[in-house]
Each structure stands twice: as structure tokens, then as C-alpha cells.
C-alpha atoms as a PDB file:
ATOM      1  CA  MET A   1       1.659 -15.511 -11.439  1.00  0.00           C
ATOM      2  CA  GLY A   2      -0.319 -14.889 -14.945  1.00  0.00           C
ATOM      3  CA  MET A   3      -3.604 -15.024 -12.303  1.00  0.00           C
ATOM      4  CA  VAL A   4      -6.316 -13.201 -13.925  1.00  0.00           C
ATOM      5  CA  VAL A   5      -8.649 -11.790 -11.042  1.00  0.00           C
ATOM      6  CA  ASP A   6     -12.377 -10.794 -11.808  1.00  0.00           C
ATOM      7  CA  THR A   7     -13.652  -8.223  -8.979  1.00  0.00           C
ATOM      8  CA  ALA A   8     -16.942  -7.976  -7.848  1.00  0.00           C
ATOM      9  CA  ARG A   9     -18.334  -5.434  -4.911  1.00  0.00           C
ATOM     10  CA  SER A  10     -21.205  -7.740  -3.868  1.00  0.00           C
ATOM     11  CA  THR A  11     -22.256 -10.970  -3.598  1.00  0.00           C
ATOM     12  CA  ALA A  12     -25.139 -10.653  -6.673  1.00  0.00           C
ATOM     13  CA  GLU A  13     -21.917  -9.372  -8.696  1.00  0.00           C
ATOM     14  CA  GLY A  14     -20.119 -12.601  -7.899  1.00  0.00           C
ATOM     15  CA  LEU A  15     -22.488 -14.954  -9.056  1.00  0.00           C
ATOM     16  CA  THR A  16     -23.444 -13.373 -12.269  1.00  0.00           C
ATOM     17  CA  ALA A  17     -19.504 -13.550 -12.749  1.00  0.00           C
ATOM     18  CA  LEU A  18     -19.152 -16.918 -11.657  1.00  0.00           C
ATOM     19  CA  ARG A  19     -21.921 -17.466 -14.349  1.00  0.00           C
ATOM     20  CA  HIS A  20     -19.441 -16.115 -17.013  1.00  0.00           C
ATOM     21  CA  GLY A  21     -16.626 -16.887 -17.112  1.00  0.00           C
ATOM     22  CA  SER A  22     -14.371 -19.612 -15.511  1.00  0.00           C
ATOM     23  CA  HIS A  23     -13.124 -19.467 -12.189  1.00  0.00           C
ATOM     24  CA  ASP A  24     -10.534 -21.634  -9.852  1.00  0.00           C
ATOM     25  CA  ILE A  25     -11.319 -19.872  -6.706  1.00  0.00           C
ATOM     26  CA  ILE A  26     -13.318 -17.189  -4.922  1.00  0.00           C
ATOM     27  CA  LEU A  27     -11.323 -14.148  -2.106  1.00  0.00           C
ATOM     28  CA  SER A  28     -14.207 -12.454   0.176  1.00  0.00           C
ATOM     29  CA  ASP A  29     -14.592 -10.676   2.258  1.00  0.00           C
ATOM     30  CA  ILE A  30     -16.551 -11.011   5.275  1.00  0.00           C
ATOM     31  CA  ASP A  31     -17.746  -7.737   6.621  1.00  0.00           C
ATOM     32  CA  ARG A  32     -19.125  -5.657   2.966  1.00  0.00           C
ATOM     33  CA  ASP A  33     -21.905  -3.068   1.910  1.00  0.00           C
ATOM     34  CA  GLY A  34     -22.322  -3.028   6.139  1.00  0.00           C
ATOM     35  CA  ASP A  35     -23.006  -6.568   6.610  1.00  0.00           C
ATOM     36  CA  PRO A  36     -21.472  -7.692   8.990  1.00  0.00           C
ATOM     37  CA  ARG A  37     -22.342 -11.334   7.663  1.00  0.00           C
ATOM     38  CA  ALA A  38     -22.568 -11.024   4.039  1.00  0.00           C
ATOM     39  CA  GLY A  39     -18.972 -13.034   3.263  1.00  0.00           C
ATOM     40  CA  ILE A  40     -21.377 -15.886   5.464  1.00  0.00           C
ATOM     41  CA  THR A  41     -24.708 -15.520   3.726  1.00  0.00           C
ATOM     42  CA  MET A  42     -22.320 -16.025   0.231  1.00  0.00           C
ATOM     43  CA  LEU A  43     -21.224 -19.075   1.463  1.00  0.00           C
ATOM     44  CA  SER A  44     -25.122 -20.176   0.899  1.00  0.00           C
ATOM     45  CA  GLU A  45     -25.696 -18.713  -1.691  1.00  0.00           C
ATOM     46  CA  LEU A  46     -22.750 -20.333  -3.937  1.00  0.00           C
ATOM     47  CA  GLU A  47     -24.298 -23.204  -2.252  1.00  0.00           C
ATOM     48  CA  ASP A  48     -27.336 -22.903  -3.637  1.00  0.00           C
ATOM     49  CA  ALA A  49     -25.999 -21.848  -7.373  1.00  0.00           C
ATOM     50  CA  ASP A  50     -24.075 -24.947  -6.896  1.00  0.00           C
ATOM     51  CA  VAL A  51     -20.394 -22.844  -6.772  1.00  0.00           C
ATOM     52  CA  ASP A  52     -18.164 -25.096  -5.675  1.00  0.00           C
ATOM     53  CA  LEU A  53     -15.027 -23.805  -5.707  1.00  0.00           C
ATOM     54  CA  PRO A  54     -12.305 -22.989  -2.368  1.00  0.00           C
ATOM     55  CA  VAL A  55     -13.162 -20.072  -0.481  1.00  0.00           C
ATOM     56  CA  VAL A  56     -10.621 -17.750   1.123  1.00  0.00           C
ATOM     57  CA  VAL A  57     -11.625 -15.055   3.307  1.00  0.00           C
ATOM     58  CA  HIS A  58      -9.969 -11.853   4.584  1.00  0.00           C
ATOM     59  CA  ALA A  59     -11.428 -10.046   7.566  1.00  0.00           C
ATOM     60  CA  GLN A  60      -9.995  -7.566   8.982  1.00  0.00           C
ATOM     61  CA  ASN A  61     -11.353  -9.002  12.529  1.00  0.00           C
ATOM     62  CA  PHE A  62     -11.107 -13.123  11.342  1.00  0.00           C
ATOM     63  CA  ASN A  63     -11.531 -14.948  14.448  1.00  0.00           C
ATOM     64  CA  PRO A  64     -11.616 -18.363  14.059  1.00  0.00           C
ATOM     65  CA  GLU A  65     -12.500 -19.182  17.627  1.00  0.00           C
ATOM     66  CA  LEU A  66     -15.820 -18.306  16.238  1.00  0.00           C
ATOM     67  CA  GLY A  67     -15.503 -20.924  14.466  1.00  0.00           C
ATOM     68  CA  VAL A  68     -14.988 -21.515  10.661  1.00  0.00           C
ATOM     69  CA  ASN A  69     -17.818 -22.408   8.391  1.00  0.00           C
ATOM     70  CA  SER A  70     -16.801 -25.837   5.848  1.00  0.00           C
ATOM     71  CA  ARG A  71     -16.914 -23.823   2.810  1.00  0.00           C
ATOM     72  CA  ILE A  72     -14.147 -22.185   3.170  1.00  0.00           C
ATOM     73  CA  PHE A  73     -10.509 -22.725   2.597  1.00  0.00           C
ATOM     74  CA  PRO A  74      -8.717 -21.001   5.324  1.00  0.00           C
ATOM     75  CA  GLY A  75     -10.119 -17.761   6.806  1.00  0.00           C
ATOM     76  CA  THR A  76      -7.450 -14.729   8.168  1.00  0.00           C
ATOM     77  CA  ASN A  77      -7.204 -11.475   8.717  1.00  0.00           C
ATOM     78  CA  ASN A  78      -2.842 -11.390   7.180  1.00  0.00           C
ATOM     79  CA  PRO A  79      -3.024 -10.194   4.063  1.00  0.00           C
ATOM     80  CA  VAL A  80       0.404 -11.702   3.674  1.00  0.00           C
ATOM     81  CA  GLU A  81      -0.972 -15.255   4.371  1.00  0.00           C
ATOM     82  CA  VAL A  82      -3.796 -14.318   2.023  1.00  0.00           C
ATOM     83  CA  VAL A  83      -1.358 -14.540  -0.959  1.00  0.00           C
ATOM     84  CA  HIS A  84       0.466 -17.824   0.231  1.00  0.00           C
ATOM     85  CA  TYR A  85      -2.985 -18.926   0.621  1.00  0.00           C
ATOM     86  CA  VAL A  86      -3.958 -18.540  -2.939  1.00  0.00           C
ATOM     87  CA  ILE A  87      -0.628 -19.416  -4.507  1.00  0.00           C
ATOM     88  CA  VAL A  88      -1.006 -22.921  -2.499  1.00  0.00           C
ATOM     89  CA  LEU A  89      -4.622 -22.968  -4.299  1.00  0.00           C
ATOM     90  CA  MET A  90      -3.536 -22.056  -7.672  1.00  0.00           C
ATOM     91  CA  GLU A  91      -0.555 -24.738  -7.373  1.00  0.00           C
ATOM     92  CA  ARG A  92      -2.745 -27.343  -6.242  1.00  0.00           C
ATOM     93  CA  ILE A  93      -5.379 -27.200  -9.007  1.00  0.00           C
ATOM     94  CA  ARG A  94      -2.379 -26.610 -11.647  1.00  0.00           C
ATOM     95  CA  PHE A  95      -1.150 -29.668 -10.604  1.00  0.00           C
ATOM     96  CA  ALA A  96      -3.985 -32.000 -10.189  1.00  0.00           C
ATOM     97  CA  ALA A  97      -4.770 -34.956 -11.006  1.00  0.00           C
ATOM     98  CA  PRO A  98      -7.004 -35.252 -14.394  1.00  0.00           C
ATOM     99  CA  GLU A  99     -10.459 -36.164 -13.237  1.00  0.00           C
ATOM    100  CA  VAL A 100     -11.636 -39.993 -14.533  1.00  0.00           C
END
């Protein structure tokens, strides 16, 4: 599909990658490195770093009934849905009208 994927294993690695390249979306897990809220904490760090990209969240125990941060485009525990959301976002980005 012509997509290039950068992999980061932590929020710090991800922020470094975002500063040194061009990215369209962020795909993240919520629970990593033993911190069940690492992905949620990351959202605040993205705001602090002025990173304004859509965030797709995949988490084994994702439960939208517990509330969803407004920075999360979709969140799911279904890997098939993750693929769908990424494709939808990339189509929106590719076909978006140029900003004036």
C-alpha cells in the first residue's frame, strides 16, 4: 500500500522519531513496559511536544466504556479494526484538500 512504518518501543523513542521525520498517524498500545497507562500518558506528551497527529490505539483490554481521550481517533482491541482505521486515515490524508 506504499506505507512506511517506523517502530518505537517507548514513548521517548516515538517522540524522537516524530522529531526526525514526517509522519501521518500514530499507532499505539496503551499498556507497555509494565505501565498500564503508558499510552494515555503519551497523549499528554504529544500535546506538550505540539504533535498533532491522529492516534489509533490498539489494546488487548481496550474498553471504550471507561472513556476515550479526545486525541484518540479510534481505539479497539480488534487487530482487523486497526488495519481498517489505518487505511481510512491514510485515505483521508491522501485525498484531503490542501490547506489555504
